[in-house]
């Protein structure tokens, strides 16, 4: 496996894991454009772990506070409430991923499905973006989310298992519909993504350990470089998304998604 392929796949993983532009759409196009071979489970797992480290480092203070709050009822009630919101909202995606993830991967990963899904959810994101920009009611605070709002955002994250949707995009949109500000919805999306990204990385790693590839096309150096690049790009992507969404909302990413969807559907 060439270093160029490692670098490009690492950049794609680092960007698309966090930006609402759909990782599946890019992972379908990249092998076609550059004639790549399948990168394998080990690299998939390592790249996921790279982006996991990015989110842990960027939100380290919040994550430490939330972890403590789960086991310390004498601490801040608001932080305790937010910690349990993240746990509850992770259940729908975890259950569907556990029982239906393999079926989705096998049956719904066609380029045309990804293209149409990119189109459909882009318009939903646009409606959410315009809806939140127009209403003048007070923003809901993250630590005051109701059970209904939490489950709504959690079920939205489960839908993101459909290729072409974007986990960050649909959870931000659900947050906007739940009366969160653009910044709060984006931050909650990142915090909510931590358990899911961890679970996905561990699942791929366990798959590789239980079904090792006899002849690897990459070395430990490849894996180390891939994890480092996905980590650094992931950090930049988190900062970029927070800044862009706070200033102009989701519109730049929606336009990009529509262009990507058009390219996929035209090609196929």
C-alpha atoms as a PDB file:
ATOM      1  CA  UNK A   1       0.000   0.000   0.000  1.00  0.00           C
ATOM      2  CA  UNK A   2       1.473   3.333  -1.040  1.00  0.00           C
ATOM      3  CA  UNK A   3       1.930   6.207   1.383  1.00  0.00           C
ATOM      4  CA  UNK A   4      -0.245   8.380  -0.868  1.00  0.00           C
ATOM      5  CA  UNK A   5      -3.193   6.078  -0.292  1.00  0.00           C
ATOM      6  CA  UNK A   6      -2.616   6.078   3.479  1.00  0.00           C
ATOM      7  CA  UNK A   7      -2.389   9.869   3.567  1.00  0.00           C
ATOM      8  CA  UNK A   8      -5.490  10.420   1.426  1.00  0.00           C
ATOM      9  CA  UNK A   9      -7.631   7.912   3.331  1.00  0.00           C
ATOM     10  CA  UNK A  10      -6.475   9.412   6.635  1.00  0.00           C
ATOM     11  CA  UNK A  11      -7.444  12.905   5.493  1.00  0.00           C
ATOM     12  CA  UNK A  12     -10.836  11.662   4.284  1.00  0.00           C
ATOM     13  CA  UNK A  13     -11.465   9.916   7.614  1.00  0.00           C
ATOM     14  CA  UNK A  14     -10.365  12.920   9.663  1.00  0.00           C
ATOM     15  CA  UNK A  15     -12.580  15.333   7.741  1.00  0.00           C
ATOM     16  CA  UNK A  16     -15.678  13.271   7.054  1.00  0.00           C
ATOM     17  CA  UNK A  17     -15.953  11.798  10.539  1.00  0.00           C
ATOM     18  CA  UNK A  18     -16.804  15.260  11.850  1.00  0.00           C
ATOM     19  CA  UNK A  19     -17.900  17.469   8.949  1.00  0.00           C
ATOM     20  CA  UNK A  20     -21.539  16.859   7.864  1.00  0.00           C
ATOM     21  CA  UNK A  21     -20.565  15.760   4.358  1.00  0.00           C
ATOM     22  CA  UNK A  22     -20.905  11.947   4.598  1.00  0.00           C
ATOM     23  CA  UNK A  23     -17.907   9.664   4.935  1.00  0.00           C
ATOM     24  CA  UNK A  24     -19.551   6.913   2.861  1.00  0.00           C
ATOM     25  CA  UNK A  25     -19.905   9.162  -0.189  1.00  0.00           C
ATOM     26  CA  UNK A  26     -16.205   9.967  -0.134  1.00  0.00           C
ATOM     27  CA  UNK A  27     -15.114   6.417   0.615  1.00  0.00           C
ATOM     28  CA  UNK A  28     -17.055   5.259  -2.452  1.00  0.00           C
ATOM     29  CA  UNK A  29     -15.561   7.877  -4.760  1.00  0.00           C
ATOM     30  CA  UNK A  30     -11.921   7.682  -3.601  1.00  0.00           C
ATOM     31  CA  UNK A  31     -11.225   4.070  -4.724  1.00  0.00           C
ATOM     32  CA  UNK A  32     -12.908   4.769  -8.079  1.00  0.00           C
ATOM     33  CA  UNK A  33     -10.982   7.965  -8.793  1.00  0.00           C
ATOM     34  CA  UNK A  34      -7.592   6.725  -7.579  1.00  0.00           C
ATOM     35  CA  UNK A  35      -8.023   2.976  -8.261  1.00  0.00           C
ATOM     36  CA  UNK A  36      -7.327   1.977  -4.657  1.00  0.00           C
ATOM     37  CA  UNK A  37      -7.506  -1.532  -3.282  1.00  0.00           C
ATOM     38  CA  UNK A  38      -9.553  -2.235  -0.136  1.00  0.00           C
ATOM     39  CA  UNK A  39      -7.586  -0.780   2.780  1.00  0.00           C
ATOM     40  CA  UNK A  40      -8.583  -3.554   5.190  1.00  0.00           C
ATOM     41  CA  UNK A  41      -9.998  -3.725   8.713  1.00  0.00           C
ATOM     42  CA  UNK A  42      -6.800  -2.844  10.577  1.00  0.00           C
ATOM     43  CA  UNK A  43      -6.405   0.501   8.831  1.00  0.00           C
ATOM     44  CA  UNK A  44     -10.130   1.225   9.221  1.00  0.00           C
ATOM     45  CA  UNK A  45      -9.838   0.630  12.964  1.00  0.00           C
ATOM     46  CA  UNK A  46      -6.688   2.704  13.345  1.00  0.00           C
ATOM     47  CA  UNK A  47      -8.165   5.661  11.441  1.00  0.00           C
ATOM     48  CA  UNK A  48     -11.287   5.526  13.625  1.00  0.00           C
ATOM     49  CA  UNK A  49      -9.100   5.551  16.727  1.00  0.00           C
ATOM     50  CA  UNK A  50      -7.207   8.564  15.356  1.00  0.00           C
ATOM     51  CA  UNK A  51     -10.425  10.564  15.112  1.00  0.00           C
ATOM     52  CA  UNK A  52     -11.506   9.270  18.532  1.00  0.00           C
ATOM     53  CA  UNK A  53      -8.302  10.658  20.060  1.00  0.00           C
ATOM     54  CA  UNK A  54      -8.999  13.975  18.305  1.00  0.00           C
ATOM     55  CA  UNK A  55     -12.406  14.329  19.921  1.00  0.00           C
ATOM     56  CA  UNK A  56     -11.072  13.217  23.320  1.00  0.00           C
ATOM     57  CA  UNK A  57      -8.230  15.751  23.241  1.00  0.00           C
ATOM     58  CA  UNK A  58     -10.394  18.634  21.990  1.00  0.00           C
ATOM     59  CA  UNK A  59     -13.196  18.042  24.516  1.00  0.00           C
ATOM     60  CA  UNK A  60     -11.010  16.599  27.283  1.00  0.00           C
ATOM     61  CA  UNK A  61     -12.276  18.961  29.988  1.00  0.00           C
ATOM     62  CA  UNK A  62     -15.959  18.352  29.186  1.00  0.00           C
ATOM     63  CA  UNK A  63     -15.441  14.589  28.885  1.00  0.00           C
ATOM     64  CA  UNK A  64     -13.597  14.375  32.215  1.00  0.00           C
ATOM     65  CA  UNK A  65     -16.374  16.374  33.912  1.00  0.00           C
ATOM     66  CA  UNK A  66     -19.070  14.217  32.298  1.00  0.00           C
ATOM     67  CA  UNK A  67     -17.339  10.965  33.282  1.00  0.00           C
ATOM     68  CA  UNK A  68     -16.988  12.113  36.876  1.00  0.00           C
ATOM     69  CA  UNK A  69     -20.613  13.258  36.932  1.00  0.00           C
ATOM     70  CA  UNK A  70     -21.838   9.767  36.039  1.00  0.00           C
ATOM     71  CA  UNK A  71     -20.452   8.370  39.308  1.00  0.00           C
ATOM     72  CA  UNK A  72     -20.631  11.438  41.563  1.00  0.00           C
ATOM     73  CA  UNK A  73     -24.171  12.499  42.411  1.00  0.00           C
ATOM     74  CA  UNK A  74     -22.856  15.150  44.768  1.00  0.00           C
ATOM     75  CA  UNK A  75     -21.342  17.085  41.863  1.00  0.00           C
ATOM     76  CA  UNK A  76     -23.093  19.438  39.486  1.00  0.00           C
ATOM     77  CA  UNK A  77     -26.690  18.273  38.799  1.00  0.00           C
ATOM     78  CA  UNK A  78     -26.553  19.898  35.349  1.00  0.00           C
ATOM     79  CA  UNK A  79     -23.409  17.990  34.351  1.00  0.00           C
ATOM     80  CA  UNK A  80     -24.885  14.783  35.785  1.00  0.00           C
ATOM     81  CA  UNK A  81     -28.018  15.355  33.674  1.00  0.00           C
ATOM     82  CA  UNK A  82     -25.977  15.995  30.494  1.00  0.00           C
ATOM     83  CA  UNK A  83     -23.864  12.875  31.064  1.00  0.00           C
ATOM     84  CA  UNK A  84     -26.964  10.695  31.257  1.00  0.00           C
ATOM     85  CA  UNK A  85     -28.412  12.463  28.200  1.00  0.00           C
ATOM     86  CA  UNK A  86     -25.391  11.313  26.202  1.00  0.00           C
ATOM     87  CA  UNK A  87     -25.707   7.747  27.510  1.00  0.00           C
ATOM     88  CA  UNK A  88     -29.425   7.561  26.702  1.00  0.00           C
ATOM     89  CA  UNK A  89     -29.032   9.160  23.279  1.00  0.00           C
ATOM     90  CA  UNK A  90     -26.348   6.605  22.365  1.00  0.00           C
ATOM     91  CA  UNK A  91     -28.632   3.602  22.861  1.00  0.00           C
ATOM     92  CA  UNK A  92     -30.678   3.787  19.606  1.00  0.00           C
ATOM     93  CA  UNK A  93     -27.613   3.879  17.348  1.00  0.00           C
ATOM     94  CA  UNK A  94     -25.867   1.241  19.451  1.00  0.00           C
ATOM     95  CA  UNK A  95     -28.781  -1.184  19.198  1.00  0.00           C
ATOM     96  CA  UNK A  96     -29.325  -0.699  15.468  1.00  0.00           C
ATOM     97  CA  UNK A  97     -25.595  -0.920  14.823  1.00  0.00           C
ATOM     98  CA  UNK A  98     -25.370  -4.136  16.837  1.00  0.00           C
ATOM     99  CA  UNK A  99     -28.317  -5.909  15.244  1.00  0.00           C
ATOM    100  CA  UNK A 100     -28.583  -4.272  11.812  1.00  0.00           C
ATOM    101  CA  UNK A 101     -25.203  -2.738  11.042  1.00  0.00           C
ATOM    102  CA  UNK A 102     -23.918  -5.697   9.064  1.00  0.00           C
ATOM    103  CA  UNK A 103     -27.116  -5.906   6.977  1.00  0.00           C
ATOM    104  CA  UNK A 104     -26.922  -2.180   6.204  1.00  0.00           C
ATOM    105  CA  UNK A 105     -23.261  -2.503   5.203  1.00  0.00           C
ATOM    106  CA  UNK A 106     -24.015  -5.370   2.814  1.00  0.00           C
ATOM    107  CA  UNK A 107     -27.316  -4.197   1.297  1.00  0.00           C
ATOM    108  CA  UNK A 108     -27.380  -0.392   1.373  1.00  0.00           C
ATOM    109  CA  UNK A 109     -23.874   0.637   0.384  1.00  0.00           C
ATOM    110  CA  UNK A 110     -24.612   1.027  -3.322  1.00  0.00           C
ATOM    111  CA  UNK A 111     -23.463   4.328  -4.875  1.00  0.00           C
ATOM    112  CA  UNK A 112     -26.977   5.217  -6.059  1.00  0.00           C
ATOM    113  CA  UNK A 113     -28.422   4.755  -2.553  1.00  0.00           C
ATOM    114  CA  UNK A 114     -25.652   6.943  -1.134  1.00  0.00           C
ATOM    115  CA  UNK A 115     -26.263   9.593  -3.799  1.00  0.00           C
ATOM    116  CA  UNK A 116     -30.018   9.780  -3.222  1.00  0.00           C
ATOM    117  CA  UNK A 117     -29.526   9.750   0.543  1.00  0.00           C
ATOM    118  CA  UNK A 118     -27.060  12.629   0.260  1.00  0.00           C
ATOM    119  CA  UNK A 119     -29.676  14.605  -1.667  1.00  0.00           C
ATOM    120  CA  UNK A 120     -32.571  13.816   0.675  1.00  0.00           C
ATOM    121  CA  UNK A 121     -30.826  14.608   3.943  1.00  0.00           C
ATOM    122  CA  UNK A 122     -29.223  17.748   2.511  1.00  0.00           C
ATOM    123  CA  UNK A 123     -32.699  19.231   2.167  1.00  0.00           C
ATOM    124  CA  UNK A 124     -33.614  18.136   5.711  1.00  0.00           C
ATOM    125  CA  UNK A 125     -30.443  19.822   6.981  1.00  0.00           C
ATOM    126  CA  UNK A 126     -31.381  22.962   5.050  1.00  0.00           C
ATOM    127  CA  UNK A 127     -34.871  23.009   6.616  1.00  0.00           C
ATOM    128  CA  UNK A 128     -33.355  22.594  10.108  1.00  0.00           C
ATOM    129  CA  UNK A 129     -30.788  25.313   9.440  1.00  0.00           C
ATOM    130  CA  UNK A 130     -33.405  27.812   8.177  1.00  0.00           C
ATOM    131  CA  UNK A 131     -35.862  26.848  10.934  1.00  0.00           C
ATOM    132  CA  UNK A 132     -33.396  27.597  13.736  1.00  0.00           C
ATOM    133  CA  UNK A 133     -32.192  30.817  12.094  1.00  0.00           C
ATOM    134  CA  UNK A 134     -35.738  32.218  11.869  1.00  0.00           C
ATOM    135  CA  UNK A 135     -37.230  31.406  15.268  1.00  0.00           C
ATOM    136  CA  UNK A 136     -36.559  33.892  18.053  1.00  0.00           C
ATOM    137  CA  UNK A 137     -37.292  31.764  21.124  1.00  0.00           C
ATOM    138  CA  UNK A 138     -34.692  31.257  23.845  1.00  0.00           C
ATOM    139  CA  UNK A 139     -32.088  28.567  23.202  1.00  0.00           C
ATOM    140  CA  UNK A 140     -32.405  25.318  25.139  1.00  0.00           C
ATOM    141  CA  UNK A 141     -29.315  24.712  27.287  1.00  0.00           C
ATOM    142  CA  UNK A 142     -27.521  21.397  26.809  1.00  0.00           C
ATOM    143  CA  UNK A 143     -27.900  20.496  30.471  1.00  0.00           C
ATOM    144  CA  UNK A 144     -31.665  21.127  30.309  1.00  0.00           C
ATOM    145  CA  UNK A 145     -32.544  18.846  27.435  1.00  0.00           C
ATOM    146  CA  UNK A 146     -35.734  16.918  28.076  1.00  0.00           C
ATOM    147  CA  UNK A 147     -36.003  13.138  27.739  1.00  0.00           C
ATOM    148  CA  UNK A 148     -38.030  13.596  24.523  1.00  0.00           C
ATOM    149  CA  UNK A 149     -35.364  15.864  23.006  1.00  0.00           C
ATOM    150  CA  UNK A 150     -32.582  13.461  23.992  1.00  0.00           C
ATOM    151  CA  UNK A 151     -34.319  10.443  22.472  1.00  0.00           C
ATOM    152  CA  UNK A 152     -35.146  12.436  19.328  1.00  0.00           C
ATOM    153  CA  UNK A 153     -31.484  13.315  18.793  1.00  0.00           C
ATOM    154  CA  UNK A 154     -30.473   9.740  19.679  1.00  0.00           C
ATOM    155  CA  UNK A 155     -32.873   8.253  17.111  1.00  0.00           C
ATOM    156  CA  UNK A 156     -31.541  10.732  14.538  1.00  0.00           C
ATOM    157  CA  UNK A 157     -28.028   9.435  15.214  1.00  0.00           C
ATOM    158  CA  UNK A 158     -29.284   5.896  14.570  1.00  0.00           C
ATOM    159  CA  UNK A 159     -30.529   6.968  11.120  1.00  0.00           C
ATOM    160  CA  UNK A 160     -26.962   8.044  10.346  1.00  0.00           C
ATOM    161  CA  UNK A 161     -26.058   4.364   9.952  1.00  0.00           C
ATOM    162  CA  UNK A 162     -27.676   4.667   6.507  1.00  0.00           C
ATOM    163  CA  UNK A 163     -24.832   5.462   4.076  1.00  0.00           C
ATOM    164  CA  UNK A 164     -24.921   9.013   2.744  1.00  0.00           C
ATOM    165  CA  UNK A 165     -26.598  10.545   5.796  1.00  0.00           C
ATOM    166  CA  UNK A 166     -23.747  11.908   7.996  1.00  0.00           C
ATOM    167  CA  UNK A 167     -23.790  11.330  11.730  1.00  0.00           C
ATOM    168  CA  UNK A 168     -22.707  14.850  12.606  1.00  0.00           C
ATOM    169  CA  UNK A 169     -25.119  16.421  10.110  1.00  0.00           C
ATOM    170  CA  UNK A 170     -28.231  14.600  11.274  1.00  0.00           C
ATOM    171  CA  UNK A 171     -27.499  15.046  14.989  1.00  0.00           C
ATOM    172  CA  UNK A 172     -26.847  18.760  14.507  1.00  0.00           C
ATOM    173  CA  UNK A 173     -30.113  19.044  12.531  1.00  0.00           C
ATOM    174  CA  UNK A 174     -32.001  17.180  15.281  1.00  0.00           C
ATOM    175  CA  UNK A 175     -30.446  19.510  17.831  1.00  0.00           C
ATOM    176  CA  UNK A 176     -31.591  22.546  15.837  1.00  0.00           C
ATOM    177  CA  UNK A 177     -35.136  21.149  15.679  1.00  0.00           C
ATOM    178  CA  UNK A 178     -34.875  20.655  19.466  1.00  0.00           C
ATOM    179  CA  UNK A 179     -34.283  24.392  19.920  1.00  0.00           C
ATOM    180  CA  UNK A 180     -30.529  24.182  20.545  1.00  0.00           C
ATOM    181  CA  UNK A 181     -28.412  26.951  19.079  1.00  0.00           C
ATOM    182  CA  UNK A 182     -26.112  26.086  16.181  1.00  0.00           C
ATOM    183  CA  UNK A 183     -23.088  26.041  18.508  1.00  0.00           C
ATOM    184  CA  UNK A 184     -24.792  23.969  21.234  1.00  0.00           C
ATOM    185  CA  UNK A 185     -26.167  21.472  18.694  1.00  0.00           C
ATOM    186  CA  UNK A 186     -22.696  21.043  17.207  1.00  0.00           C
ATOM    187  CA  UNK A 187     -21.008  20.576  20.586  1.00  0.00           C
ATOM    188  CA  UNK A 188     -23.634  18.040  21.640  1.00  0.00           C
ATOM    189  CA  UNK A 189     -23.121  16.210  18.344  1.00  0.00           C
ATOM    190  CA  UNK A 190     -19.405  15.871  19.092  1.00  0.00           C
ATOM    191  CA  UNK A 191     -19.942  14.728  22.685  1.00  0.00           C
ATOM    192  CA  UNK A 192     -22.628  12.292  21.559  1.00  0.00           C
ATOM    193  CA  UNK A 193     -20.323  10.947  18.853  1.00  0.00           C
ATOM    194  CA  UNK A 194     -17.595   9.919  21.295  1.00  0.00           C
ATOM    195  CA  UNK A 195     -19.181   6.601  22.439  1.00  0.00           C
ATOM    196  CA  UNK A 196     -20.234   5.718  18.875  1.00  0.00           C
ATOM    197  CA  UNK A 197     -16.822   6.435  17.335  1.00  0.00           C
ATOM    198  CA  UNK A 198     -15.191   4.436  20.145  1.00  0.00           C
ATOM    199  CA  UNK A 199     -17.574   1.514  19.580  1.00  0.00           C
ATOM    200  CA  UNK A 200     -17.011   1.578  15.799  1.00  0.00           C
ATOM    201  CA  UNK A 201     -13.236   1.619  16.197  1.00  0.00           C
ATOM    202  CA  UNK A 202     -13.271  -1.214  18.748  1.00  0.00           C
ATOM    203  CA  UNK A 203     -15.637  -3.280  16.585  1.00  0.00           C
ATOM    204  CA  UNK A 204     -13.375  -2.998  13.544  1.00  0.00           C
ATOM    205  CA  UNK A 205     -10.310  -3.734  15.660  1.00  0.00           C
ATOM    206  CA  UNK A 206     -11.914  -6.864  17.155  1.00  0.00           C
ATOM    207  CA  UNK A 207     -12.964  -7.989  13.666  1.00  0.00           C
ATOM    208  CA  UNK A 208      -9.363  -7.689  12.509  1.00  0.00           C
ATOM    209  CA  UNK A 209      -8.005  -9.517  15.568  1.00  0.00           C
ATOM    210  CA  UNK A 210     -10.480 -12.384  15.145  1.00  0.00           C
ATOM    211  CA  UNK A 211      -9.999 -12.549  11.342  1.00  0.00           C
ATOM    212  CA  UNK A 212      -6.409 -11.416  10.666  1.00  0.00           C
ATOM    213  CA  UNK A 213      -5.274 -10.888   7.090  1.00  0.00           C
ATOM    214  CA  UNK A 214      -2.498 -13.370   6.167  1.00  0.00           C
ATOM    215  CA  UNK A 215      -0.595 -10.951   3.944  1.00  0.00           C
ATOM    216  CA  UNK A 216      -0.924  -7.343   5.006  1.00  0.00           C
ATOM    217  CA  UNK A 217      -0.247  -4.653   2.435  1.00  0.00           C
ATOM    218  CA  UNK A 218       0.743  -2.156   5.138  1.00  0.00           C
ATOM    219  CA  UNK A 219       3.288  -2.023   7.909  1.00  0.00           C
ATOM    220  CA  UNK A 220       3.125  -0.710  11.458  1.00  0.00           C
ATOM    221  CA  UNK A 221       4.607   2.515  10.117  1.00  0.00           C
ATOM    222  CA  UNK A 222       1.649   2.832   7.721  1.00  0.00           C
ATOM    223  CA  UNK A 223      -0.774   2.415  10.620  1.00  0.00           C
ATOM    224  CA  UNK A 224       1.076   4.913  12.805  1.00  0.00           C
ATOM    225  CA  UNK A 225       1.139   7.516  10.030  1.00  0.00           C
ATOM    226  CA  UNK A 226      -2.534   6.938   9.265  1.00  0.00           C
ATOM    227  CA  UNK A 227      -3.570   7.360  12.901  1.00  0.00           C
ATOM    228  CA  UNK A 228      -1.450  10.500  13.271  1.00  0.00           C
ATOM    229  CA  UNK A 229      -2.874  12.158  10.173  1.00  0.00           C
ATOM    230  CA  UNK A 230      -6.496  11.276  10.974  1.00  0.00           C
ATOM    231  CA  UNK A 231      -5.925  12.642  14.493  1.00  0.00           C
ATOM    232  CA  UNK A 232      -4.492  15.977  13.293  1.00  0.00           C
ATOM    233  CA  UNK A 233      -7.040  16.409  10.507  1.00  0.00           C
ATOM    234  CA  UNK A 234      -9.810  15.475  12.931  1.00  0.00           C
ATOM    235  CA  UNK A 235      -8.703  18.228  15.324  1.00  0.00           C
ATOM    236  CA  UNK A 236      -8.762  20.762  12.482  1.00  0.00           C
ATOM    237  CA  UNK A 237     -12.162  19.514  11.304  1.00  0.00           C
ATOM    238  CA  UNK A 238     -13.684  19.966  14.781  1.00  0.00           C
ATOM    239  CA  UNK A 239     -12.430  23.561  14.988  1.00  0.00           C
ATOM    240  CA  UNK A 240     -13.555  24.283  11.428  1.00  0.00           C
ATOM    241  CA  UNK A 241     -17.069  22.952  11.964  1.00  0.00           C
ATOM    242  CA  UNK A 242     -17.562  24.885  15.215  1.00  0.00           C
ATOM    243  CA  UNK A 243     -16.431  28.147  13.588  1.00  0.00           C
ATOM    244  CA  UNK A 244     -18.371  27.750  10.332  1.00  0.00           C
ATOM    245  CA  UNK A 245     -21.609  26.637  11.987  1.00  0.00           C
ATOM    246  CA  UNK A 246     -21.454  29.495  14.507  1.00  0.00           C
ATOM    247  CA  UNK A 247     -21.069  32.058  11.692  1.00  0.00           C
ATOM    248  CA  UNK A 248     -23.072  30.811   8.723  1.00  0.00           C
ATOM    249  CA  UNK A 249     -24.782  27.575   9.770  1.00  0.00           C
ATOM    250  CA  UNK A 250     -24.806  24.384   7.713  1.00  0.00           C
ATOM    251  CA  UNK A 251     -25.265  25.960   4.271  1.00  0.00           C
ATOM    252  CA  UNK A 252     -21.657  25.558   2.942  1.00  0.00           C
ATOM    253  CA  UNK A 253     -21.728  21.848   3.797  1.00  0.00           C
ATOM    254  CA  UNK A 254     -25.196  21.403   2.294  1.00  0.00           C
ATOM    255  CA  UNK A 255     -24.024  22.885  -1.027  1.00  0.00           C
ATOM    256  CA  UNK A 256     -20.990  20.591  -1.019  1.00  0.00           C
ATOM    257  CA  UNK A 257     -23.178  17.535  -0.265  1.00  0.00           C
ATOM    258  CA  UNK A 258     -25.471  18.332  -3.203  1.00  0.00           C
ATOM    259  CA  UNK A 259     -22.486  18.652  -5.543  1.00  0.00           C
ATOM    260  CA  UNK A 260     -21.081  15.334  -4.268  1.00  0.00           C
ATOM    261  CA  UNK A 261     -24.466  13.623  -4.675  1.00  0.00           C
ATOM    262  CA  UNK A 262     -24.764  14.930  -8.224  1.00  0.00           C
ATOM    263  CA  UNK A 263     -21.292  13.621  -9.058  1.00  0.00           C
ATOM    264  CA  UNK A 264     -22.057  10.155  -7.702  1.00  0.00           C
ATOM    265  CA  UNK A 265     -25.421   9.871  -9.481  1.00  0.00           C
ATOM    266  CA  UNK A 266     -24.040  11.194 -12.774  1.00  0.00           C
ATOM    267  CA  UNK A 267     -21.180   8.715 -12.675  1.00  0.00           C
ATOM    268  CA  UNK A 268     -23.487   5.767 -12.027  1.00  0.00           C
END
